[in-house]
C-alpha atoms as a PDB file:
ATOM      1  CA  MET A   1     171.016  57.712  80.040  1.00  0.00           C
ATOM      2  CA  LEU A   2     170.501  57.390  76.291  1.00  0.00           C
ATOM      3  CA  ARG A   3     171.343  54.088  74.717  1.00  0.00           C
ATOM      4  CA  SER A   4     172.214  53.603  71.127  1.00  0.00           C
ATOM      5  CA  VAL A   5     169.360  52.473  68.949  1.00  0.00           C
ATOM      6  CA  GLU A   6     171.179  49.290  68.058  1.00  0.00           C
ATOM      7  CA  GLN A   7     171.235  48.215  71.707  1.00  0.00           C
ATOM      8  CA  ARG A   8     167.484  48.603  71.948  1.00  0.00           C
ATOM      9  CA  GLN A   9     166.583  46.683  68.802  1.00  0.00           C
ATOM     10  CA  VAL A  10     164.400  43.656  69.407  1.00  0.00           C
ATOM     11  CA  THR A  11     165.837  40.420  68.072  1.00  0.00           C
ATOM     12  CA  GLY A  12     163.934  39.215  65.025  1.00  0.00           C
ATOM     13  CA  SER A  13     162.108  42.519  64.552  1.00  0.00           C
ATOM     14  CA  ASP A  14     161.909  44.015  61.075  1.00  0.00           C
ATOM     15  CA  GLU A  15     161.017  47.457  62.413  1.00  0.00           C
ATOM     16  CA  ASP A  16     163.534  50.213  61.770  1.00  0.00           C
ATOM     17  CA  PRO A  17     164.864  51.143  65.228  1.00  0.00           C
ATOM     18  CA  ARG A  18     164.964  54.803  64.186  1.00  0.00           C
ATOM     19  CA  VAL A  19     161.228  54.733  63.531  1.00  0.00           C
ATOM     20  CA  ALA A  20     160.614  53.093  66.909  1.00  0.00           C
ATOM     21  CA  GLU A  21     162.707  55.779  68.612  1.00  0.00           C
ATOM     22  CA  LEU A  22     160.851  58.556  66.784  1.00  0.00           C
ATOM     23  CA  ARG A  23     157.509  57.027  67.691  1.00  0.00           C
ATOM     24  CA  ALA A  24     158.443  56.804  71.386  1.00  0.00           C
ATOM     25  CA  ALA A  25     159.886  60.327  71.558  1.00  0.00           C
ATOM     26  CA  VAL A  26     156.885  61.893  69.837  1.00  0.00           C
ATOM     27  CA  ALA A  27     154.439  59.982  72.052  1.00  0.00           C
ATOM     28  CA  ARG A  28     156.285  61.155  75.162  1.00  0.00           C
ATOM     29  CA  LEU A  29     156.290  64.806  74.108  1.00  0.00           C
ATOM     30  CA  ARG A  30     152.612  64.646  73.136  1.00  0.00           C
ATOM     31  CA  ARG A  31     151.766  63.305  76.610  1.00  0.00           C
ATOM     32  CA  GLU A  32     153.892  65.972  78.295  1.00  0.00           C
ATOM     33  CA  LEU A  33     152.309  68.728  76.217  1.00  0.00           C
ATOM     34  CA  ALA A  34     148.807  67.447  76.944  1.00  0.00           C
ATOM     35  CA  ALA A  35     149.566  67.423  80.675  1.00  0.00           C
ATOM     36  CA  HIS A  36     151.165  70.884  80.671  1.00  0.00           C
ATOM     37  CA  PRO A  37     148.710  73.247  82.373  1.00  0.00           C
ATOM     38  CA  ALA A  38     149.710  76.525  80.746  1.00  0.00           C
ATOM     39  CA  GLU A  39     148.073  77.749  77.588  1.00  0.00           C
ATOM     40  CA  PHE A  40     150.299  79.520  75.089  1.00  0.00           C
ATOM     41  CA  THR A  41     149.747  81.027  71.683  1.00  0.00           C
ATOM     42  CA  ASP A  42     151.384  78.339  69.536  1.00  0.00           C
ATOM     43  CA  ARG A  43     150.205  75.268  71.452  1.00  0.00           C
ATOM     44  CA  GLY A  44     147.896  74.264  68.576  1.00  0.00           C
ATOM     45  CA  ILE A  45     150.785  74.399  66.118  1.00  0.00           C
ATOM     46  CA  ALA A  46     152.870  72.138  68.354  1.00  0.00           C
ATOM     47  CA  GLU A  47     149.994  69.675  68.746  1.00  0.00           C
ATOM     48  CA  ASP A  48     149.338  69.595  64.981  1.00  0.00           C
ATOM     49  CA  GLU A  49     152.984  69.070  64.081  1.00  0.00           C
ATOM     50  CA  LEU A  50     153.459  66.387  66.735  1.00  0.00           C
ATOM     51  CA  ALA A  51     150.419  64.633  65.278  1.00  0.00           C
ATOM     52  CA  ALA A  52     152.033  64.866  61.828  1.00  0.00           C
ATOM     53  CA  LEU A  53     155.283  63.403  63.196  1.00  0.00           C
ATOM     54  CA  ALA A  54     153.353  60.590  64.881  1.00  0.00           C
ATOM     55  CA  GLU A  55     151.561  59.829  61.631  1.00  0.00           C
ATOM     56  CA  MET A  56     154.870  59.694  59.764  1.00  0.00           C
ATOM     57  CA  ALA A  57     156.363  57.408  62.417  1.00  0.00           C
ATOM     58  CA  TYR A  58     153.425  55.033  62.262  1.00  0.00           C
ATOM     59  CA  GLY A  59     153.605  55.067  58.471  1.00  0.00           C
ATOM     60  CA  GLY A  60     157.040  53.464  58.786  1.00  0.00           C
ATOM     61  CA  ALA A  61     159.057  55.509  56.281  1.00  0.00           C
ATOM     62  CA  PRO A  62     159.094  59.162  57.326  1.00  0.00           C
ATOM     63  CA  GLU A  63     159.952  61.854  54.805  1.00  0.00           C
ATOM     64  CA  ILE A  64     163.089  63.513  56.184  1.00  0.00           C
ATOM     65  CA  PRO A  65     162.492  67.095  54.961  1.00  0.00           C
ATOM     66  CA  ARG A  66     158.916  66.997  56.289  1.00  0.00           C
ATOM     67  CA  MET A  67     160.105  65.637  59.645  1.00  0.00           C
ATOM     68  CA  ARG A  68     162.668  68.434  59.934  1.00  0.00           C
ATOM     69  CA  ARG A  69     160.052  71.049  59.095  1.00  0.00           C
ATOM     70  CA  SER A  70     157.717  69.650  61.754  1.00  0.00           C
ATOM     71  CA  LEU A  71     160.550  69.608  64.282  1.00  0.00           C
ATOM     72  CA  LEU A  72     161.337  73.275  63.577  1.00  0.00           C
ATOM     73  CA  LEU A  73     157.692  74.240  63.991  1.00  0.00           C
ATOM     74  CA  VAL A  74     157.394  72.304  67.251  1.00  0.00           C
ATOM     75  CA  ALA A  75     160.616  73.826  68.561  1.00  0.00           C
ATOM     76  CA  GLY A  76     159.432  77.304  67.648  1.00  0.00           C
ATOM     77  CA  ALA A  77     156.077  76.703  69.299  1.00  0.00           C
ATOM     78  CA  ILE A  78     157.262  75.177  72.583  1.00  0.00           C
ATOM     79  CA  GLY A  79     160.982  75.902  72.697  1.00  0.00           C
ATOM     80  CA  SER A  80     160.590  78.476  75.464  1.00  0.00           C
ATOM     81  CA  VAL A  81     158.596  76.103  77.718  1.00  0.00           C
ATOM     82  CA  SER A  82     161.343  74.695  79.943  1.00  0.00           C
ATOM     83  CA  ALA A  83     159.141  71.903  81.292  1.00  0.00           C
ATOM     84  CA  LEU A  84     159.013  70.425  77.782  1.00  0.00           C
ATOM     85  CA  ALA A  85     162.721  70.811  76.974  1.00  0.00           C
ATOM     86  CA  ALA A  86     163.731  67.193  77.629  1.00  0.00           C
ATOM     87  CA  GLY A  87     160.897  65.809  75.519  1.00  0.00           C
ATOM     88  CA  LEU A  88     161.670  68.224  72.704  1.00  0.00           C
ATOM     89  CA  ALA A  89     165.352  67.235  72.828  1.00  0.00           C
ATOM     90  CA  ALA A  90     164.404  63.561  72.545  1.00  0.00           C
ATOM     91  CA  VAL A  91     162.308  64.278  69.437  1.00  0.00           C
ATOM     92  CA  ARG A  92     165.201  66.260  67.935  1.00  0.00           C
ATOM     93  CA  VAL A  93     167.606  63.360  68.539  1.00  0.00           C
ATOM     94  CA  ALA A  94     165.128  60.911  67.014  1.00  0.00           C
ATOM     95  CA  VAL A  95     164.709  63.048  63.888  1.00  0.00           C
ATOM     96  CA  GLU A  96     168.479  63.489  63.560  1.00  0.00           C
ATOM     97  CA  MET A  97     168.960  59.700  63.525  1.00  0.00           C
ATOM     98  CA  PHE A  98     167.500  59.708  60.013  1.00  0.00           C
ATOM     99  CA  GLY A  99     170.470  61.734  58.756  1.00  0.00           C
ATOM    100  CA  GLU A 100     170.552  64.498  56.226  1.00  0.00           C
ATOM    101  CA  PRO A 101     167.855  64.779  53.588  1.00  0.00           C
ATOM    102  CA  ASN A 102     168.888  63.918  50.041  1.00  0.00           C
ATOM    103  CA  ALA A 103     170.354  66.848  48.161  1.00  0.00           C
ATOM    104  CA  ARG A 104     168.326  67.958  45.167  1.00  0.00           C
END
């Protein structure tokens, strides 16, 4: 069951709960991908983009358009691997919590 981010916020913490959620979701999917035994053509792309997402999450203030681009690349690379579907969905939800990018 997914809880709202507000329910999971630690009292007295200054960390943005969206960043914490992104960090956790990306870490989970990276572990699942690393443990997945099958090799597939775009695995390297998925690993690189998950690393980029992790770097953004640890930086504290992710760039929304860049996060969305990374999410699309990860989804394109591993979207057909059903064993990774739940982890990918969690990353998508975490990215969507940041809202729409600013219009230019």
